[in-house]
PDB file of N, CA and C in Angstrom:
ATOM      1  N   UNK A   1       0.650  -0.886  -0.154  1.00  0.00           N
ATOM      2  CA  UNK A   1       0.196   0.012  -0.106  1.00  0.00           C
ATOM      3  C   UNK A   1       0.432   0.909  -0.234  1.00  0.00           C
ATOM      4  N   UNK A   2       2.098   0.739   0.622  1.00  0.00           N
ATOM      5  CA  UNK A   2       2.756   2.749   0.468  1.00  0.00           C
ATOM      6  C   UNK A   2       3.367   2.502  -0.797  1.00  0.00           C
ATOM      7  N   UNK A   3       3.921   1.802  -1.132  1.00  0.00           N
ATOM      8  CA  UNK A   3       4.612   1.210  -2.644  1.00  0.00           C
ATOM      9  C   UNK A   3       3.332   2.158  -2.636  1.00  0.00           C
ATOM     10  N   UNK A   4       2.343   1.602  -3.105  1.00  0.00           N
ATOM     11  CA  UNK A   4       1.891   2.488  -4.278  1.00  0.00           C
ATOM     12  C   UNK A   4       1.200   3.617  -4.342  1.00  0.00           C
ATOM     13  N   UNK A   5       1.350   4.654  -2.704  1.00  0.00           N
ATOM     14  CA  UNK A   5       1.268   5.650  -2.693  1.00  0.00           C
ATOM     15  C   UNK A   5       2.433   6.500  -2.710  1.00  0.00           C
ATOM     16  N   UNK A   6       3.162   5.969  -2.565  1.00  0.00           N
ATOM     17  CA  UNK A   6       5.022   6.643  -3.063  1.00  0.00           C
ATOM     18  C   UNK A   6       5.108   6.371  -5.029  1.00  0.00           C
ATOM     19  N   UNK A   7       4.330   5.730  -5.526  1.00  0.00           N
ATOM     20  CA  UNK A   7       4.543   5.573  -7.120  1.00  0.00           C
ATOM     21  C   UNK A   7       2.931   6.327  -7.540  1.00  0.00           C
ATOM     22  N   UNK A   8       2.218   6.730  -6.887  1.00  0.00           N
ATOM     23  CA  UNK A   8       1.737   8.085  -7.098  1.00  0.00           C
ATOM     24  C   UNK A   8       1.576   8.629  -6.784  1.00  0.00           C
ATOM     25  N   UNK A   9       2.440   9.553  -5.951  1.00  0.00           N
ATOM     26  CA  UNK A   9       3.264  10.884  -5.730  1.00  0.00           C
ATOM     27  C   UNK A   9       4.240  11.397  -6.515  1.00  0.00           C
ATOM     28  N   UNK A  10       4.738   9.599  -7.167  1.00  0.00           N
ATOM     29  CA  UNK A  10       5.922  10.278  -8.786  1.00  0.00           C
ATOM     30  C   UNK A  10       5.017  10.439  -9.586  1.00  0.00           C
ATOM     31  N   UNK A  11       4.686  10.008  -9.977  1.00  0.00           N
ATOM     32  CA  UNK A  11       3.588  10.970 -10.610  1.00  0.00           C
ATOM     33  C   UNK A  11       2.705  11.821 -11.125  1.00  0.00           C
ATOM     34  N   UNK A  12       2.500  11.637  -9.743  1.00  0.00           N
ATOM     35  CA  UNK A  12       1.884  13.330  -9.501  1.00  0.00           C
ATOM     36  C   UNK A  12       2.551  14.664  -9.051  1.00  0.00           C
ATOM     37  N   UNK A  13       3.134  14.348  -8.858  1.00  0.00           N
ATOM     38  CA  UNK A  13       5.116  15.642  -8.884  1.00  0.00           C
ATOM     39  C   UNK A  13       5.525  15.968  -9.961  1.00  0.00           C
ATOM     40  N   UNK A  14       5.742  14.815 -11.108  1.00  0.00           N
ATOM     41  CA  UNK A  14       6.270  15.109 -11.981  1.00  0.00           C
ATOM     42  C   UNK A  14       5.054  15.392 -12.731  1.00  0.00           C
ATOM     43  N   UNK A  15       3.636  14.385 -12.757  1.00  0.00           N
ATOM     44  CA  UNK A  15       2.574  15.190 -13.971  1.00  0.00           C
ATOM     45  C   UNK A  15       2.284  16.875 -13.919  1.00  0.00           C
ATOM     46  N   UNK A  16       2.599  17.707 -12.526  1.00  0.00           N
ATOM     47  CA  UNK A  16       2.471  19.269 -12.426  1.00  0.00           C
ATOM     48  C   UNK A  16       3.887  19.669 -12.364  1.00  0.00           C
ATOM     49  N   UNK A  17       5.176  18.583 -12.447  1.00  0.00           N
ATOM     50  CA  UNK A  17       6.444  19.735 -12.998  1.00  0.00           C
ATOM     51  C   UNK A  17       5.339  20.100 -14.492  1.00  0.00           C
ATOM     52  N   UNK A  18       5.439  18.807 -15.123  1.00  0.00           N
ATOM     53  CA  UNK A  18       5.288  18.734 -17.133  1.00  0.00           C
ATOM     54  C   UNK A  18       4.505  19.301 -16.876  1.00  0.00           C
ATOM     55  N   UNK A  19       3.442  19.613 -15.831  1.00  0.00           N
ATOM     56  CA  UNK A  19       2.107  20.952 -16.747  1.00  0.00           C
ATOM     57  C   UNK A  19       2.480  21.777 -16.560  1.00  0.00           C
ATOM     58  N   UNK A  20       3.277  21.844 -15.191  1.00  0.00           N
ATOM     59  CA  UNK A  20       3.350  23.785 -15.259  1.00  0.00           C
ATOM     60  C   UNK A  20       4.592  24.414 -16.156  1.00  0.00           C
ATOM     61  N   UNK A  21       5.512  23.170 -16.946  1.00  0.00           N
ATOM     62  CA  UNK A  21       6.251  23.732 -18.100  1.00  0.00           C
ATOM     63  C   UNK A  21       5.339  23.568 -19.566  1.00  0.00           C
ATOM     64  N   UNK A  22       4.847  22.850 -20.037  1.00  0.00           N
ATOM     65  CA  UNK A  22       4.092  23.011 -20.578  1.00  0.00           C
ATOM     66  C   UNK A  22       2.998  24.558 -20.924  1.00  0.00           C
ATOM     67  N   UNK A  23       1.843  24.984 -19.493  1.00  0.00           N
ATOM     68  CA  UNK A  23       1.498  26.240 -19.376  1.00  0.00           C
ATOM     69  C   UNK A  23       2.475  26.970 -19.813  1.00  0.00           C
ATOM     70  N   UNK A  24       3.812  26.619 -19.290  1.00  0.00           N
ATOM     71  CA  UNK A  24       4.654  28.055 -19.209  1.00  0.00           C
ATOM     72  C   UNK A  24       4.999  29.006 -20.614  1.00  0.00           C
ATOM     73  N   UNK A  25       5.230  27.289 -21.802  1.00  0.00           N
ATOM     74  CA  UNK A  25       5.522  27.778 -22.843  1.00  0.00           C
ATOM     75  C   UNK A  25       4.691  28.097 -23.817  1.00  0.00           C
ATOM     76  N   UNK A  26       4.110  28.697 -24.446  1.00  0.00           N
ATOM     77  CA  UNK A  26       3.000  28.812 -25.206  1.00  0.00           C
ATOM     78  C   UNK A  26       3.316  27.917 -26.633  1.00  0.00           C
ATOM     79  N   UNK A  27       4.542  27.811 -27.226  1.00  0.00           N
ATOM     80  CA  UNK A  27       5.713  27.584 -27.567  1.00  0.00           C
ATOM     81  C   UNK A  27       5.232  26.741 -28.438  1.00  0.00           C
ATOM     82  N   UNK A  28       5.303  25.689 -27.632  1.00  0.00           N
ATOM     83  CA  UNK A  28       5.588  24.051 -27.221  1.00  0.00           C
ATOM     84  C   UNK A  28       3.717  23.820 -27.206  1.00  0.00           C
ATOM     85  N   UNK A  29       3.120  24.840 -26.978  1.00  0.00           N
ATOM     86  CA  UNK A  29       1.899  23.889 -26.335  1.00  0.00           C
ATOM     87  C   UNK A  29       1.109  24.122 -27.364  1.00  0.00           C
ATOM     88  N   UNK A  30       1.356  25.318 -28.506  1.00  0.00           N
ATOM     89  CA  UNK A  30       0.759  25.843 -29.793  1.00  0.00           C
ATOM     90  C   UNK A  30       1.213  24.553 -30.905  1.00  0.00           C
ATOM     91  N   UNK A  31       2.231  23.505 -30.584  1.00  0.00           N
ATOM     92  CA  UNK A  31       2.190  22.457 -31.596  1.00  0.00           C
ATOM     93  C   UNK A  31       1.923  21.439 -31.146  1.00  0.00           C
ATOM     94  N   UNK A  32       1.215  21.903 -29.727  1.00  0.00           N
ATOM     95  CA  UNK A  32       0.669  20.420 -29.715  1.00  0.00           C
ATOM     96  C   UNK A  32      -0.732  20.084 -30.332  1.00  0.00           C
ATOM     97  N   UNK A  33      -1.014  19.160 -30.367  1.00  0.00           N
ATOM     98  CA  UNK A  33      -2.966  18.991 -31.498  1.00  0.00           C
ATOM     99  C   UNK A  33      -3.308  18.530 -30.176  1.00  0.00           C
ATOM    100  N   UNK A  34      -3.776  19.900 -29.785  1.00  0.00           N
ATOM    101  CA  UNK A  34      -5.056  19.556 -28.879  1.00  0.00           C
ATOM    102  C   UNK A  34      -5.011  20.783 -27.890  1.00  0.00           C
ATOM    103  N   UNK A  35      -3.590  21.422 -27.195  1.00  0.00           N
ATOM    104  CA  UNK A  35      -2.590  21.438 -26.542  1.00  0.00           C
ATOM    105  C   UNK A  35      -3.241  22.356 -25.402  1.00  0.00           C
ATOM    106  N   UNK A  36      -4.451  23.134 -25.826  1.00  0.00           N
ATOM    107  CA  UNK A  36      -5.629  23.788 -24.359  1.00  0.00           C
ATOM    108  C   UNK A  36      -6.181  22.693 -23.896  1.00  0.00           C
ATOM    109  N   UNK A  37      -6.861  21.124 -25.256  1.00  0.00           N
ATOM    110  CA  UNK A  37      -7.807  20.651 -24.125  1.00  0.00           C
ATOM    111  C   UNK A  37      -6.601  19.965 -23.271  1.00  0.00           C
ATOM    112  N   UNK A  38      -6.034  19.115 -23.431  1.00  0.00           N
ATOM    113  CA  UNK A  38      -4.660  18.442 -22.990  1.00  0.00           C
ATOM    114  C   UNK A  38      -4.099  19.231 -21.337  1.00  0.00           C
ATOM    115  N   UNK A  39      -4.854  20.801 -21.761  1.00  0.00           N
ATOM    116  CA  UNK A  39      -4.346  21.376 -20.612  1.00  0.00           C
ATOM    117  C   UNK A  39      -5.404  21.579 -19.562  1.00  0.00           C
ATOM    118  N   UNK A  40      -6.665  21.509 -19.804  1.00  0.00           N
ATOM    119  CA  UNK A  40      -7.279  21.463 -19.024  1.00  0.00           C
ATOM    120  C   UNK A  40      -8.332  20.339 -17.865  1.00  0.00           C
ATOM    121  N   UNK A  41      -7.495  19.261 -19.323  1.00  0.00           N
ATOM    122  CA  UNK A  41      -7.614  17.354 -18.083  1.00  0.00           C
ATOM    123  C   UNK A  41      -6.665  17.681 -17.057  1.00  0.00           C
ATOM    124  N   UNK A  42      -5.415  18.434 -17.673  1.00  0.00           N
ATOM    125  CA  UNK A  42      -4.754  17.563 -16.538  1.00  0.00           C
ATOM    126  C   UNK A  42      -5.018  18.587 -15.664  1.00  0.00           C
ATOM    127  N   UNK A  43      -5.853  19.861 -15.569  1.00  0.00           N
ATOM    128  CA  UNK A  43      -6.074  20.557 -14.860  1.00  0.00           C
ATOM    129  C   UNK A  43      -7.783  20.352 -13.870  1.00  0.00           C
ATOM    130  N   UNK A  44      -7.830  19.666 -14.275  1.00  0.00           N
ATOM    131  CA  UNK A  44      -9.174  18.899 -13.461  1.00  0.00           C
ATOM    132  C   UNK A  44      -8.204  17.705 -12.618  1.00  0.00           C
ATOM    133  N   UNK A  45      -7.379  17.304 -12.802  1.00  0.00           N
ATOM    134  CA  UNK A  45      -6.620  15.902 -12.209  1.00  0.00           C
ATOM    135  C   UNK A  45      -5.509  16.646 -11.150  1.00  0.00           C
ATOM    136  N   UNK A  46      -5.040  17.535 -11.751  1.00  0.00           N
ATOM    137  CA  UNK A  46      -3.846  18.193 -10.175  1.00  0.00           C
ATOM    138  C   UNK A  46      -4.312  19.831 -10.223  1.00  0.00           C
ATOM    139  N   UNK A  47      -3.341  20.097  -9.351  1.00  0.00           N
ATOM    140  CA  UNK A  47      -3.938  21.564  -8.777  1.00  0.00           C
ATOM    141  C   UNK A  47      -2.205  22.094  -9.702  1.00  0.00           C
ATOM    142  N   UNK A  48      -2.584  23.127 -10.096  1.00  0.00           N
ATOM    143  CA  UNK A  48      -1.946  23.646 -11.422  1.00  0.00           C
ATOM    144  C   UNK A  48      -2.018  24.936 -11.099  1.00  0.00           C
ATOM    145  N   UNK A  49      -2.316  25.308  -9.834  1.00  0.00           N
ATOM    146  CA  UNK A  49      -1.708  26.679  -9.012  1.00  0.00           C
ATOM    147  C   UNK A  49      -0.232  26.410  -8.354  1.00  0.00           C
ATOM    148  N   UNK A  50      -0.537  25.295  -8.040  1.00  0.00           N
ATOM    149  CA  UNK A  50       1.181  25.314  -7.023  1.00  0.00           C
ATOM    150  C   UNK A  50       2.152  25.202  -7.159  1.00  0.00           C
ATOM    151  N   UNK A  51       2.149  26.227  -6.608  1.00  0.00           N
ATOM    152  CA  UNK A  51       3.875  26.929  -6.958  1.00  0.00           C
ATOM    153  C   UNK A  51       4.809  25.886  -7.672  1.00  0.00           C
ATOM    154  N   UNK A  52       5.481  26.307  -8.340  1.00  0.00           N
ATOM    155  CA  UNK A  52       6.512  25.679  -9.269  1.00  0.00           C
ATOM    156  C   UNK A  52       7.654  24.489  -7.778  1.00  0.00           C
ATOM    157  N   UNK A  53       8.193  25.374  -7.193  1.00  0.00           N
ATOM    158  CA  UNK A  53       9.121  24.990  -6.315  1.00  0.00           C
ATOM    159  C   UNK A  53       8.709  23.757  -6.001  1.00  0.00           C
ATOM    160  N   UNK A  54       7.505  24.348  -5.401  1.00  0.00           N
ATOM    161  CA  UNK A  54       6.728  22.845  -4.944  1.00  0.00           C
ATOM    162  C   UNK A  54       6.889  21.374  -5.222  1.00  0.00           C
ATOM    163  N   UNK A  55       6.253  21.473  -6.419  1.00  0.00           N
ATOM    164  CA  UNK A  55       6.141  20.899  -7.336  1.00  0.00           C
ATOM    165  C   UNK A  55       7.531  20.064  -7.285  1.00  0.00           C
ATOM    166  N   UNK A  56       8.412  20.795  -7.591  1.00  0.00           N
ATOM    167  CA  UNK A  56       9.345  20.613  -8.054  1.00  0.00           C
ATOM    168  C   UNK A  56       9.816  19.217  -6.561  1.00  0.00           C
ATOM    169  N   UNK A  57       9.764  20.073  -5.237  1.00  0.00           N
ATOM    170  CA  UNK A  57      10.497  19.331  -3.806  1.00  0.00           C
ATOM    171  C   UNK A  57       9.040  18.428  -4.180  1.00  0.00           C
ATOM    172  N   UNK A  58       8.402  17.942  -4.113  1.00  0.00           N
ATOM    173  CA  UNK A  58       7.461  16.603  -4.323  1.00  0.00           C
ATOM    174  C   UNK A  58       8.218  16.013  -5.143  1.00  0.00           C
ATOM    175  N   UNK A  59       8.142  16.608  -6.259  1.00  0.00           N
ATOM    176  CA  UNK A  59       9.600  15.423  -7.078  1.00  0.00           C
ATOM    177  C   UNK A  59      10.682  14.641  -6.869  1.00  0.00           C
ATOM    178  N   UNK A  60      11.420  15.932  -6.131  1.00  0.00           N
ATOM    179  CA  UNK A  60      12.771  15.518  -5.729  1.00  0.00           C
ATOM    180  C   UNK A  60      12.760  14.215  -4.486  1.00  0.00           C
ATOM    181  N   UNK A  61      11.977  14.699  -4.006  1.00  0.00           N
ATOM    182  CA  UNK A  61      11.425  14.179  -1.913  1.00  0.00           C
ATOM    183  C   UNK A  61      11.469  12.607  -2.884  1.00  0.00           C
ATOM    184  N   UNK A  62      10.567  12.723  -3.627  1.00  0.00           N
ATOM    185  CA  UNK A  62       9.677  10.958  -3.767  1.00  0.00           C
ATOM    186  C   UNK A  62      10.623   9.943  -4.787  1.00  0.00           C
ATOM    187  N   UNK A  63      12.117  11.028  -5.459  1.00  0.00           N
ATOM    188  CA  UNK A  63      13.236  10.276  -5.970  1.00  0.00           C
ATOM    189  C   UNK A  63      13.708   9.966  -5.440  1.00  0.00           C
ATOM    190  N   UNK A  64      14.603  10.332  -3.782  1.00  0.00           N
ATOM    191  CA  UNK A  64      14.961  10.427  -3.218  1.00  0.00           C
ATOM    192  C   UNK A  64      14.814   9.075  -2.123  1.00  0.00           C
ATOM    193  N   UNK A  65      13.054   9.249  -2.488  1.00  0.00           N
ATOM    194  CA  UNK A  65      12.601   8.022  -1.584  1.00  0.00           C
ATOM    195  C   UNK A  65      13.002   6.129  -2.233  1.00  0.00           C
ATOM    196  N   UNK A  66      12.816   6.896  -3.463  1.00  0.00           N
ATOM    197  CA  UNK A  66      13.194   5.970  -4.501  1.00  0.00           C
ATOM    198  C   UNK A  66      14.270   5.503  -4.482  1.00  0.00           C
ATOM    199  N   UNK A  67      15.716   6.554  -4.601  1.00  0.00           N
ATOM    200  CA  UNK A  67      16.613   5.768  -4.753  1.00  0.00           C
ATOM    201  C   UNK A  67      17.817   5.367  -3.453  1.00  0.00           C
ATOM    202  N   UNK A  68      16.608   5.092  -2.273  1.00  0.00           N
ATOM    203  CA  UNK A  68      17.082   4.830  -0.622  1.00  0.00           C
ATOM    204  C   UNK A  68      17.218   3.484  -1.373  1.00  0.00           C
ATOM    205  N   UNK A  69      15.446   3.161  -1.599  1.00  0.00           N
ATOM    206  CA  UNK A  69      15.168   2.270  -0.883  1.00  0.00           C
ATOM    207  C   UNK A  69      15.603   1.023  -2.644  1.00  0.00           C
ATOM    208  N   UNK A  70      16.104   1.642  -3.395  1.00  0.00           N
ATOM    209  CA  UNK A  70      16.372   1.063  -4.914  1.00  0.00           C
ATOM    210  C   UNK A  70      18.461   0.879  -4.742  1.00  0.00           C
ATOM    211  N   UNK A  71      18.872   1.792  -3.189  1.00  0.00           N
ATOM    212  CA  UNK A  71      20.131   1.841  -2.979  1.00  0.00           C
ATOM    213  C   UNK A  71      21.408   2.252  -4.096  1.00  0.00           C
ATOM    214  N   UNK A  72      20.333   3.438  -5.417  1.00  0.00           N
ATOM    215  CA  UNK A  72      21.532   4.224  -5.011  1.00  0.00           C
ATOM    216  C   UNK A  72      22.154   5.574  -5.074  1.00  0.00           C
ATOM    217  N   UNK A  73      22.780   5.859  -5.440  1.00  0.00           N
ATOM    218  CA  UNK A  73      23.562   6.557  -4.649  1.00  0.00           C
ATOM    219  C   UNK A  73      22.953   8.576  -5.351  1.00  0.00           C
ATOM    220  N   UNK A  74      21.978   8.491  -4.166  1.00  0.00           N
ATOM    221  CA  UNK A  74      22.421   9.805  -5.331  1.00  0.00           C
ATOM    222  C   UNK A  74      22.538  11.343  -5.801  1.00  0.00           C
ATOM    223  N   UNK A  75      24.158  11.433  -4.733  1.00  0.00           N
ATOM    224  CA  UNK A  75      25.040  12.384  -5.460  1.00  0.00           C
ATOM    225  C   UNK A  75      25.700  11.975  -6.391  1.00  0.00           C
ATOM    226  N   UNK A  76      25.991  10.307  -6.357  1.00  0.00           N
ATOM    227  CA  UNK A  76      27.389   9.974  -7.328  1.00  0.00           C
ATOM    228  C   UNK A  76      26.840   9.651  -8.940  1.00  0.00           C
ATOM    229  N   UNK A  77      25.279   8.846  -7.954  1.00  0.00           N
ATOM    230  CA  UNK A  77      25.347   7.772  -9.461  1.00  0.00           C
ATOM    231  C   UNK A  77      23.683   9.111  -9.877  1.00  0.00           C
ATOM    232  N   UNK A  78      23.720   9.789  -9.223  1.00  0.00           N
ATOM    233  CA  UNK A  78      22.507  10.650  -9.905  1.00  0.00           C
ATOM    234  C   UNK A  78      23.044  12.872 -10.584  1.00  0.00           C
ATOM    235  N   UNK A  79      23.327  13.043  -8.942  1.00  0.00           N
ATOM    236  CA  UNK A  79      23.125  14.582  -9.647  1.00  0.00           C
ATOM    237  C   UNK A  79      24.149  14.574 -10.513  1.00  0.00           C
ATOM    238  N   UNK A  80      25.859  13.425 -10.528  1.00  0.00           N
ATOM    239  CA  UNK A  80      27.094  14.013 -10.983  1.00  0.00           C
ATOM    240  C   UNK A  80      26.462  14.375 -12.289  1.00  0.00           C
ATOM    241  N   UNK A  81      25.811  12.585 -13.109  1.00  0.00           N
ATOM    242  CA  UNK A  81      25.589  11.940 -14.617  1.00  0.00           C
ATOM    243  C   UNK A  81      23.786  13.821 -14.457  1.00  0.00           C
ATOM    244  N   UNK A  82      23.883  13.608 -13.770  1.00  0.00           N
ATOM    245  CA  UNK A  82      22.618  15.111 -14.188  1.00  0.00           C
ATOM    246  C   UNK A  82      23.019  16.227 -14.336  1.00  0.00           C
ATOM    247  N   UNK A  83      24.695  16.748 -13.637  1.00  0.00           N
ATOM    248  CA  UNK A  83      25.033  17.760 -14.399  1.00  0.00           C
ATOM    249  C   UNK A  83      26.318  17.515 -15.746  1.00  0.00           C
ATOM    250  N   UNK A  84      26.527  16.673 -15.785  1.00  0.00           N
ATOM    251  CA  UNK A  84      27.163  16.462 -17.238  1.00  0.00           C
ATOM    252  C   UNK A  84      26.386  16.192 -18.282  1.00  0.00           C
ATOM    253  N   UNK A  85      24.770  16.021 -18.335  1.00  0.00           N
ATOM    254  CA  UNK A  85      24.001  15.629 -19.209  1.00  0.00           C
ATOM    255  C   UNK A  85      23.316  17.877 -19.256  1.00  0.00           C
ATOM    256  N   UNK A  86      23.325  17.565 -18.531  1.00  0.00           N
ATOM    257  CA  UNK A  86      22.883  19.733 -18.059  1.00  0.00           C
ATOM    258  C   UNK A  86      23.648  20.529 -19.152  1.00  0.00           C
ATOM    259  N   UNK A  87      24.869  19.827 -19.152  1.00  0.00           N
ATOM    260  CA  UNK A  87      26.571  20.911 -19.143  1.00  0.00           C
ATOM    261  C   UNK A  87      26.391  20.730 -20.423  1.00  0.00           C
ATOM    262  N   UNK A  88      26.163  19.259 -20.838  1.00  0.00           N
ATOM    263  CA  UNK A  88      26.112  18.769 -22.054  1.00  0.00           C
ATOM    264  C   UNK A  88      24.735  19.408 -23.448  1.00  0.00           C
ATOM    265  N   UNK A  89      24.147  19.907 -22.789  1.00  0.00           N
ATOM    266  CA  UNK A  89      22.632  20.340 -23.863  1.00  0.00           C
ATOM    267  C   UNK A  89      23.769  21.607 -23.235  1.00  0.00           C
ATOM    268  N   UNK A  90      23.958  21.994 -22.479  1.00  0.00           N
ATOM    269  CA  UNK A  90      23.683  23.266 -22.467  1.00  0.00           C
ATOM    270  C   UNK A  90      24.692  24.246 -23.965  1.00  0.00           C
ATOM    271  N   UNK A  91      26.608  23.155 -23.943  1.00  0.00           N
ATOM    272  CA  UNK A  91      26.945  23.569 -24.565  1.00  0.00           C
ATOM    273  C   UNK A  91      27.043  22.842 -26.046  1.00  0.00           C
ATOM    274  N   UNK A  92      25.871  21.794 -26.102  1.00  0.00           N
ATOM    275  CA  UNK A  92      25.336  21.987 -27.881  1.00  0.00           C
ATOM    276  C   UNK A  92      24.302  22.707 -28.114  1.00  0.00           C
ATOM    277  N   UNK A  93      23.198  23.928 -27.126  1.00  0.00           N
ATOM    278  CA  UNK A  93      22.980  25.437 -27.672  1.00  0.00           C
ATOM    279  C   UNK A  93      23.576  26.418 -27.964  1.00  0.00           C
ATOM    280  N   UNK A  94      24.821  26.531 -27.129  1.00  0.00           N
ATOM    281  CA  UNK A  94      26.137  27.727 -27.408  1.00  0.00           C
ATOM    282  C   UNK A  94      26.386  27.085 -28.939  1.00  0.00           C
ATOM    283  N   UNK A  95      26.828  25.762 -29.312  1.00  0.00           N
ATOM    284  CA  UNK A  95      27.282  25.648 -30.489  1.00  0.00           C
ATOM    285  C   UNK A  95      26.420  25.961 -31.667  1.00  0.00           C
ATOM    286  N   UNK A  96      25.540  25.728 -30.942  1.00  0.00           N
ATOM    287  CA  UNK A  96      24.341  25.626 -32.123  1.00  0.00           C
ATOM    288  C   UNK A  96      23.770  27.473 -32.711  1.00  0.00           C
ATOM    289  N   UNK A  97      24.583  28.180 -32.178  1.00  0.00           N
ATOM    290  CA  UNK A  97      24.175  29.935 -32.628  1.00  0.00           C
ATOM    291  C   UNK A  97      24.897  30.823 -33.221  1.00  0.00           C
TER     292      UNK A  97
END
């Protein structure tokens, strides 16, 4: 039962975060077929008025719990890879300019 609630929490946090990103970027939303309808449906499922920081915090908390359960080192195995990926994307963006 607890595992099921954790999975639901992760899914809800991820959905809230993605919904915020979509809602904040009208270009992406405009490119999506029925983007407005999708945002209304998402809004019916979750509270889109939640501050993005709260959505991120919930997501990170759920990810930390998952890492603890799966014996994944957050700092070495997750954050170091994430920073590498982030820097690589930034470098690629700068080269394209």
